[in-house]
Amino acid sequence: MNEFNNTENLTEENYTPEETTLTPEPEKKEKSCNSKTCNYLFMTFLTIAIIVLYVLHFLPEKEAKFTPKPIEGKAGSGEVLYVNLDSINNNYILVDQLTKEIEEKYSQMEATFAKREKDFEQKSAQFQENMNKGILTEVQAQYAYQQLQEEYQQIMLDKENASIALQNEQANSISVIYDSIQKVADVINAERNASYILLYQAGSPFMLHADPTKDITDQILFELNKKEQNK
């Protein structure tokens, strides 16, 4: 009871609360730019970017300049000379020799394969006869037929390879002839100094007219045949 009575003595007059001081926290300064300043910087960067793009896109590129190759040899006189290829083919000794060699090889090839094909036909006929007479068993017939097939394929392959070899030899012969013409033309032109020497044939669609005074076919032929005769 005394304790309770003592609490009654706690009145507003004798109760003094402790004073507390609240110190506010310092405000954090945020790093931010003024809106007007930010807009100004953004517009400045955008303007610079547009100018750069304009310069790169619209300014003309540096014009490329042609650099001529160094000229070797002396300049020609502007003269144009002509060589009749038909006349070369008909009168050049080397052309006649090479043509005969190729023709002989073609004849030999045809004769060789004609004989092989004839022998094969005889074997095929004998096989058919044996089949009709019932001489061959089924296994023997299959083996003989397979052999005939392989032989025929080999004949065709050999014939094709031989033909290709002769075609290559003919192409090499043509190359030799043109090379001979080129060398003689260079020797002749060392004195004449023409700018062009052209080959032409009768009926060539690009040759409408040839000045006969510029035709050096006879001189070319003379030099070509002289070399062949002196071999």
C-alpha atoms as a PDB file:
ATOM      1  CA  MET A   1       0.000   0.000   0.000  1.00  0.00           C
ATOM      2  CA  ASN A   2       2.832   2.378   0.769  1.00  0.00           C
ATOM      3  CA  GLU A   3       4.339   1.743  -2.658  1.00  0.00           C
ATOM      4  CA  PHE A   4       1.055   2.511  -4.263  1.00  0.00           C
ATOM      5  CA  ASN A   5       0.747   5.659  -2.251  1.00  0.00           C
ATOM      6  CA  ASN A   6       4.206   6.699  -3.279  1.00  0.00           C
ATOM      7  CA  THR A   7       3.265   6.475  -6.942  1.00  0.00           C
ATOM      8  CA  GLU A   8       0.473   8.856  -6.312  1.00  0.00           C
ATOM      9  CA  ASN A   9       3.032  11.426  -5.296  1.00  0.00           C
ATOM     10  CA  LEU A  10       4.445  11.381  -8.889  1.00  0.00           C
ATOM     11  CA  THR A  11       2.680  14.430 -10.158  1.00  0.00           C
ATOM     12  CA  GLU A  12       3.409  16.694 -13.058  1.00  0.00           C
ATOM     13  CA  GLU A  13       5.076  19.085 -10.729  1.00  0.00           C
ATOM     14  CA  ASN A  14       7.775  16.762  -9.479  1.00  0.00           C
ATOM     15  CA  TYR A  15       8.320  14.760 -12.786  1.00  0.00           C
ATOM     16  CA  THR A  16      10.865  16.315 -15.063  1.00  0.00           C
ATOM     17  CA  PRO A  17      11.609  14.407 -18.287  1.00  0.00           C
ATOM     18  CA  GLU A  18      15.196  14.276 -19.480  1.00  0.00           C
ATOM     19  CA  GLU A  19      15.863  16.652 -22.240  1.00  0.00           C
ATOM     20  CA  THR A  20      17.034  14.948 -25.527  1.00  0.00           C
ATOM     21  CA  THR A  21      18.636  16.809 -28.331  1.00  0.00           C
ATOM     22  CA  LEU A  22      17.987  15.507 -31.889  1.00  0.00           C
ATOM     23  CA  THR A  23      20.765  16.411 -34.306  1.00  0.00           C
ATOM     24  CA  PRO A  24      19.600  16.168 -37.937  1.00  0.00           C
ATOM     25  CA  GLU A  25      21.821  14.112 -40.350  1.00  0.00           C
ATOM     26  CA  PRO A  26      23.690  16.159 -42.932  1.00  0.00           C
ATOM     27  CA  GLU A  27      21.986  16.121 -46.326  1.00  0.00           C
ATOM     28  CA  LYS A  28      23.787  14.183 -49.125  1.00  0.00           C
ATOM     29  CA  LYS A  29      24.628  16.342 -52.061  1.00  0.00           C
ATOM     30  CA  GLU A  30      23.546  14.636 -55.286  1.00  0.00           C
ATOM     31  CA  LYS A  31      25.748  15.196 -58.291  1.00  0.00           C
ATOM     32  CA  SER A  32      23.403  16.207 -61.018  1.00  0.00           C
ATOM     33  CA  CYS A  33      23.487  18.803 -63.755  1.00  0.00           C
ATOM     34  CA  ASN A  34      21.005  21.526 -64.195  1.00  0.00           C
ATOM     35  CA  SER A  35      18.322  20.550 -66.737  1.00  0.00           C
ATOM     36  CA  LYS A  36      19.199  23.474 -68.975  1.00  0.00           C
ATOM     37  CA  THR A  37      22.900  22.593 -68.863  1.00  0.00           C
ATOM     38  CA  CYS A  38      22.212  18.941 -69.694  1.00  0.00           C
ATOM     39  CA  ASN A  39      20.036  19.859 -72.655  1.00  0.00           C
ATOM     40  CA  TYR A  40      22.685  22.253 -73.916  1.00  0.00           C
ATOM     41  CA  LEU A  41      25.451  19.624 -73.721  1.00  0.00           C
ATOM     42  CA  PHE A  42      23.273  17.013 -75.402  1.00  0.00           C
ATOM     43  CA  MET A  43      22.401  19.341 -78.295  1.00  0.00           C
ATOM     44  CA  THR A  44      26.063  20.286 -78.680  1.00  0.00           C
ATOM     45  CA  PHE A  45      27.175  16.634 -78.986  1.00  0.00           C
ATOM     46  CA  LEU A  46      24.313  15.880 -81.376  1.00  0.00           C
ATOM     47  CA  THR A  47      25.246  18.822 -83.608  1.00  0.00           C
ATOM     48  CA  ILE A  48      28.884  17.716 -83.741  1.00  0.00           C
ATOM     49  CA  ALA A  49      27.854  14.149 -84.650  1.00  0.00           C
ATOM     50  CA  ILE A  50      25.620  15.398 -87.477  1.00  0.00           C
ATOM     51  CA  ILE A  51      28.417  17.569 -88.869  1.00  0.00           C
ATOM     52  CA  VAL A  52      30.852  14.643 -88.841  1.00  0.00           C
ATOM     53  CA  LEU A  53      28.367  12.386 -90.648  1.00  0.00           C
ATOM     54  CA  TYR A  54      27.707  15.079 -93.240  1.00  0.00           C
ATOM     55  CA  VAL A  55      31.402  15.540 -93.905  1.00  0.00           C
ATOM     56  CA  LEU A  56      31.992  11.793 -94.268  1.00  0.00           C
ATOM     57  CA  HIS A  57      28.975  11.231 -96.515  1.00  0.00           C
ATOM     58  CA  PHE A  58      28.811  14.261 -98.772  1.00  0.00           C
ATOM     59  CA  LEU A  59      32.368  15.404 -99.263  1.00  0.00           C
ATOM     60  CA  PRO A  60      33.806  13.968-102.510  1.00  0.00           C
ATOM     61  CA  GLU A  61      36.429  11.260-102.232  1.00  0.00           C
ATOM     62  CA  LYS A  62      39.906  11.931-103.437  1.00  0.00           C
ATOM     63  CA  GLU A  63      39.985  11.233-107.145  1.00  0.00           C
ATOM     64  CA  ALA A  64      42.189   8.282-108.081  1.00  0.00           C
ATOM     65  CA  LYS A  65      44.935   9.170-110.516  1.00  0.00           C
ATOM     66  CA  PHE A  66      46.103   6.898-113.303  1.00  0.00           C
ATOM     67  CA  THR A  67      49.742   5.899-113.059  1.00  0.00           C
ATOM     68  CA  PRO A  68      51.029   4.713-116.430  1.00  0.00           C
ATOM     69  CA  LYS A  69      53.391   1.775-116.578  1.00  0.00           C
ATOM     70  CA  PRO A  70      56.937   2.538-117.647  1.00  0.00           C
ATOM     71  CA  ILE A  71      57.300   2.136-121.409  1.00  0.00           C
ATOM     72  CA  GLU A  72      59.823  -0.402-122.596  1.00  0.00           C
ATOM     73  CA  GLY A  73      61.304  -0.277-126.075  1.00  0.00           C
ATOM     74  CA  LYS A  74      61.002   2.450-128.649  1.00  0.00           C
ATOM     75  CA  ALA A  75      57.743   3.846-129.939  1.00  0.00           C
ATOM     76  CA  GLY A  76      56.479   2.646-133.313  1.00  0.00           C
ATOM     77  CA  SER A  77      56.085   4.773-136.403  1.00  0.00           C
ATOM     78  CA  GLY A  78      52.304   4.322-136.416  1.00  0.00           C
ATOM     79  CA  GLU A  79      52.454   2.040-139.453  1.00  0.00           C
ATOM     80  CA  VAL A  80      50.189  -1.028-139.593  1.00  0.00           C
ATOM     81  CA  LEU A  81      51.403  -4.153-141.431  1.00  0.00           C
ATOM     82  CA  TYR A  82      49.487  -7.284-142.427  1.00  0.00           C
ATOM     83  CA  VAL A  83      50.261 -10.996-142.771  1.00  0.00           C
ATOM     84  CA  ASN A  84      47.904 -13.338-144.653  1.00  0.00           C
ATOM     85  CA  LEU A  85      47.507 -16.472-142.543  1.00  0.00           C
ATOM     86  CA  ASP A  86      45.920 -18.450-145.393  1.00  0.00           C
ATOM     87  CA  SER A  87      49.036 -17.925-147.483  1.00  0.00           C
ATOM     88  CA  ILE A  88      51.240 -18.990-144.555  1.00  0.00           C
ATOM     89  CA  ASN A  89      49.243 -22.205-144.057  1.00  0.00           C
ATOM     90  CA  ASN A  90      49.404 -23.055-147.762  1.00  0.00           C
ATOM     91  CA  ASN A  91      53.058 -22.248-148.393  1.00  0.00           C
ATOM     92  CA  TYR A  92      55.001 -22.615-145.161  1.00  0.00           C
ATOM     93  CA  ILE A  93      57.105 -25.792-145.285  1.00  0.00           C
ATOM     94  CA  LEU A  94      56.759 -26.460-141.543  1.00  0.00           C
ATOM     95  CA  VAL A  95      52.961 -26.322-141.739  1.00  0.00           C
ATOM     96  CA  ASP A  96      53.008 -28.980-144.448  1.00  0.00           C
ATOM     97  CA  GLN A  97      55.360 -31.199-142.434  1.00  0.00           C
ATOM     98  CA  LEU A  98      53.436 -30.960-139.184  1.00  0.00           C
ATOM     99  CA  THR A  99      50.093 -31.473-140.932  1.00  0.00           C
ATOM    100  CA  LYS A 100      51.343 -34.669-142.589  1.00  0.00           C
ATOM    101  CA  GLU A 101      52.682 -35.988-139.287  1.00  0.00           C
ATOM    102  CA  ILE A 102      49.366 -35.412-137.532  1.00  0.00           C
ATOM    103  CA  GLU A 103      47.392 -36.958-140.386  1.00  0.00           C
ATOM    104  CA  GLU A 104      49.612 -40.060-140.381  1.00  0.00           C
ATOM    105  CA  LYS A 105      49.145 -40.472-136.613  1.00  0.00           C
ATOM    106  CA  TYR A 106      45.387 -40.120-136.982  1.00  0.00           C
ATOM    107  CA  SER A 107      45.395 -42.789-139.701  1.00  0.00           C
ATOM    108  CA  GLN A 108      47.455 -45.132-137.530  1.00  0.00           C
ATOM    109  CA  MET A 109      45.139 -44.555-134.583  1.00  0.00           C
ATOM    110  CA  GLU A 110      42.044 -45.282-136.664  1.00  0.00           C
ATOM    111  CA  ALA A 111      43.601 -48.451-138.052  1.00  0.00           C
ATOM    112  CA  THR A 112      44.647 -49.666-134.608  1.00  0.00           C
ATOM    113  CA  PHE A 113      41.237 -49.215-133.058  1.00  0.00           C
ATOM    114  CA  ALA A 114      39.402 -50.503-136.098  1.00  0.00           C
ATOM    115  CA  LYS A 115      41.296 -53.789-135.672  1.00  0.00           C
ATOM    116  CA  ARG A 116      40.586 -53.921-131.921  1.00  0.00           C
ATOM    117  CA  GLU A 117      36.895 -53.282-132.490  1.00  0.00           C
ATOM    118  CA  LYS A 118      36.754 -55.951-135.207  1.00  0.00           C
ATOM    119  CA  ASP A 119      38.391 -58.479-132.878  1.00  0.00           C
ATOM    120  CA  PHE A 120      35.889 -57.570-130.196  1.00  0.00           C
ATOM    121  CA  GLU A 121      32.968 -58.101-132.578  1.00  0.00           C
ATOM    122  CA  GLN A 122      34.279 -61.563-133.396  1.00  0.00           C
ATOM    123  CA  LYS A 123      34.531 -62.427-129.688  1.00  0.00           C
ATOM    124  CA  SER A 124      31.000 -61.170-129.131  1.00  0.00           C
ATOM    125  CA  ALA A 125      29.704 -63.234-132.041  1.00  0.00           C
ATOM    126  CA  GLN A 126      31.455 -66.374-130.706  1.00  0.00           C
ATOM    127  CA  PHE A 127      29.985 -65.757-127.265  1.00  0.00           C
ATOM    128  CA  GLN A 128      26.485 -65.500-128.708  1.00  0.00           C
ATOM    129  CA  GLU A 129      26.991 -68.671-130.706  1.00  0.00           C
ATOM    130  CA  ASN A 130      28.169 -70.585-127.646  1.00  0.00           C
ATOM    131  CA  MET A 131      25.158 -69.304-125.715  1.00  0.00           C
ATOM    132  CA  ASN A 132      22.770 -70.475-128.443  1.00  0.00           C
ATOM    133  CA  LYS A 133      24.366 -73.927-128.526  1.00  0.00           C
ATOM    134  CA  GLY A 134      24.215 -74.239-124.753  1.00  0.00           C
ATOM    135  CA  ILE A 135      27.937 -74.875-124.500  1.00  0.00           C
ATOM    136  CA  LEU A 136      28.418 -72.441-121.594  1.00  0.00           C
ATOM    137  CA  THR A 137      27.096 -73.001-118.119  1.00  0.00           C
ATOM    138  CA  GLU A 138      25.337 -70.131-116.397  1.00  0.00           C
ATOM    139  CA  VAL A 139      28.457 -69.248-114.392  1.00  0.00           C
ATOM    140  CA  GLN A 140      30.670 -69.428-117.492  1.00  0.00           C
ATOM    141  CA  ALA A 141      28.242 -67.256-119.443  1.00  0.00           C
ATOM    142  CA  GLN A 142      28.178 -64.592-116.742  1.00  0.00           C
ATOM    143  CA  TYR A 143      31.968 -64.545-116.525  1.00  0.00           C
ATOM    144  CA  ALA A 144      32.408 -64.348-120.323  1.00  0.00           C
ATOM    145  CA  TYR A 145      29.826 -61.561-120.590  1.00  0.00           C
ATOM    146  CA  GLN A 146      31.574 -59.559-117.852  1.00  0.00           C
ATOM    147  CA  GLN A 147      34.917 -59.979-119.628  1.00  0.00           C
ATOM    148  CA  LEU A 148      33.447 -58.726-122.896  1.00  0.00           C
ATOM    149  CA  GLN A 149      31.999 -55.667-121.179  1.00  0.00           C
ATOM    150  CA  GLU A 150      35.319 -54.778-119.556  1.00  0.00           C
ATOM    151  CA  GLU A 151      37.182 -55.234-122.831  1.00  0.00           C
ATOM    152  CA  TYR A 152      34.771 -52.972-124.704  1.00  0.00           C
ATOM    153  CA  GLN A 153      35.031 -50.242-122.057  1.00  0.00           C
ATOM    154  CA  GLN A 154      38.832 -50.421-122.209  1.00  0.00           C
ATOM    155  CA  ILE A 155      38.813 -50.075-126.005  1.00  0.00           C
ATOM    156  CA  MET A 156      36.622 -46.972-125.803  1.00  0.00           C
ATOM    157  CA  LEU A 157      38.789 -45.442-123.046  1.00  0.00           C
ATOM    158  CA  ASP A 158      42.014 -46.069-124.960  1.00  0.00           C
ATOM    159  CA  LYS A 159      40.527 -44.598-128.117  1.00  0.00           C
ATOM    160  CA  GLU A 160      39.400 -41.455-126.295  1.00  0.00           C
ATOM    161  CA  ASN A 161      42.809 -40.977-124.667  1.00  0.00           C
ATOM    162  CA  ALA A 162      44.609 -41.453-127.979  1.00  0.00           C
ATOM    163  CA  SER A 163      42.327 -38.905-129.652  1.00  0.00           C
ATOM    164  CA  ILE A 164      42.935 -36.356-126.877  1.00  0.00           C
ATOM    165  CA  ALA A 165      46.700 -36.878-127.147  1.00  0.00           C
ATOM    166  CA  LEU A 166      46.602 -36.180-130.893  1.00  0.00           C
ATOM    167  CA  GLN A 167      44.464 -33.084-130.359  1.00  0.00           C
ATOM    168  CA  ASN A 168      47.026 -31.772-127.877  1.00  0.00           C
ATOM    169  CA  GLU A 169      49.828 -32.506-130.319  1.00  0.00           C
ATOM    170  CA  GLN A 170      47.974 -30.634-133.043  1.00  0.00           C
ATOM    171  CA  ALA A 171      47.501 -27.652-130.712  1.00  0.00           C
ATOM    172  CA  ASN A 172      51.227 -27.681-129.920  1.00  0.00           C
ATOM    173  CA  SER A 173      52.001 -27.704-133.643  1.00  0.00           C
ATOM    174  CA  ILE A 174      49.829 -24.632-134.180  1.00  0.00           C
ATOM    175  CA  SER A 175      51.619 -22.941-131.282  1.00  0.00           C
ATOM    176  CA  VAL A 176      55.001 -23.708-132.865  1.00  0.00           C
ATOM    177  CA  ILE A 177      53.862 -22.180-136.164  1.00  0.00           C
ATOM    178  CA  TYR A 178      52.589 -18.993-134.537  1.00  0.00           C
ATOM    179  CA  ASP A 179      55.787 -18.714-132.520  1.00  0.00           C
ATOM    180  CA  SER A 180      57.855 -18.983-135.708  1.00  0.00           C
ATOM    181  CA  ILE A 181      55.762 -16.270-137.380  1.00  0.00           C
ATOM    182  CA  GLN A 182      56.148 -14.019-134.324  1.00  0.00           C
ATOM    183  CA  LYS A 183      59.940 -14.343-134.263  1.00  0.00           C
ATOM    184  CA  VAL A 184      60.343 -13.601-137.973  1.00  0.00           C
ATOM    185  CA  ALA A 185      57.933 -10.656-137.737  1.00  0.00           C
ATOM    186  CA  ASP A 186      60.012  -9.217-134.875  1.00  0.00           C
ATOM    187  CA  VAL A 187      63.185  -9.464-136.957  1.00  0.00           C
ATOM    188  CA  ILE A 188      61.549  -7.761-139.945  1.00  0.00           C
ATOM    189  CA  ASN A 189      59.997  -5.055-137.803  1.00  0.00           C
ATOM    190  CA  ALA A 190      63.341  -4.249-136.170  1.00  0.00           C
ATOM    191  CA  GLU A 191      64.099  -2.341-139.401  1.00  0.00           C
ATOM    192  CA  ARG A 192      60.604  -1.179-140.284  1.00  0.00           C
ATOM    193  CA  ASN A 193      59.443  -0.148-136.769  1.00  0.00           C
ATOM    194  CA  ALA A 194      55.722  -0.539-137.426  1.00  0.00           C
ATOM    195  CA  SER A 195      53.319  -0.020-134.545  1.00  0.00           C
ATOM    196  CA  TYR A 196      51.164  -3.051-135.411  1.00  0.00           C
ATOM    197  CA  ILE A 197      51.521  -6.296-137.376  1.00  0.00           C
ATOM    198  CA  LEU A 198      48.184  -8.056-137.824  1.00  0.00           C
ATOM    199  CA  LEU A 199      47.318 -11.583-138.969  1.00  0.00           C
ATOM    200  CA  TYR A 200      44.250 -11.904-141.187  1.00  0.00           C
ATOM    201  CA  GLN A 201      42.424 -14.563-143.175  1.00  0.00           C
ATOM    202  CA  ALA A 202      40.021 -14.419-146.081  1.00  0.00           C
ATOM    203  CA  GLY A 203      36.484 -13.832-144.873  1.00  0.00           C
ATOM    204  CA  SER A 204      37.557 -12.449-141.502  1.00  0.00           C
ATOM    205  CA  PRO A 205      34.613 -10.356-140.258  1.00  0.00           C
ATOM    206  CA  PHE A 206      36.869  -7.715-138.705  1.00  0.00           C
ATOM    207  CA  MET A 207      39.055  -7.182-141.800  1.00  0.00           C
ATOM    208  CA  LEU A 208      37.136  -5.164-144.388  1.00  0.00           C
ATOM    209  CA  HIS A 209      40.141  -3.835-146.250  1.00  0.00           C
ATOM    210  CA  ALA A 210      43.904  -4.342-146.183  1.00  0.00           C
ATOM    211  CA  ASP A 211      46.276  -2.018-147.968  1.00  0.00           C
ATOM    212  CA  PRO A 212      48.344  -4.302-150.252  1.00  0.00           C
ATOM    213  CA  THR A 213      51.377  -2.051-149.850  1.00  0.00           C
ATOM    214  CA  LYS A 214      51.372  -2.927-146.151  1.00  0.00           C
ATOM    215  CA  ASP A 215      51.198  -6.695-146.702  1.00  0.00           C
ATOM    216  CA  ILE A 216      54.472  -8.388-145.702  1.00  0.00           C
ATOM    217  CA  THR A 217      53.301 -12.007-146.123  1.00  0.00           C
ATOM    218  CA  ASP A 218      55.805 -12.803-148.884  1.00  0.00           C
ATOM    219  CA  GLN A 219      58.690 -11.505-146.828  1.00  0.00           C
ATOM    220  CA  ILE A 220      57.547 -13.482-143.780  1.00  0.00           C
ATOM    221  CA  LEU A 221      57.230 -16.662-145.872  1.00  0.00           C
ATOM    222  CA  PHE A 222      60.658 -16.177-147.403  1.00  0.00           C
ATOM    223  CA  GLU A 223      62.323 -15.953-143.987  1.00  0.00           C
ATOM    224  CA  LEU A 224      60.317 -18.854-142.549  1.00  0.00           C
ATOM    225  CA  ASN A 225      61.067 -21.269-145.377  1.00  0.00           C
ATOM    226  CA  LYS A 226      64.726 -20.215-145.512  1.00  0.00           C
ATOM    227  CA  LYS A 227      65.122 -21.351-141.899  1.00  0.00           C
ATOM    228  CA  GLU A 228      63.439 -24.685-142.585  1.00  0.00           C
ATOM    229  CA  GLN A 229      65.613 -25.341-145.639  1.00  0.00           C
ATOM    230  CA  ASN A 230      68.783 -24.568-143.711  1.00  0.00           C
ATOM    231  CA  LYS A 231      68.016 -27.110-140.950  1.00  0.00           C
END
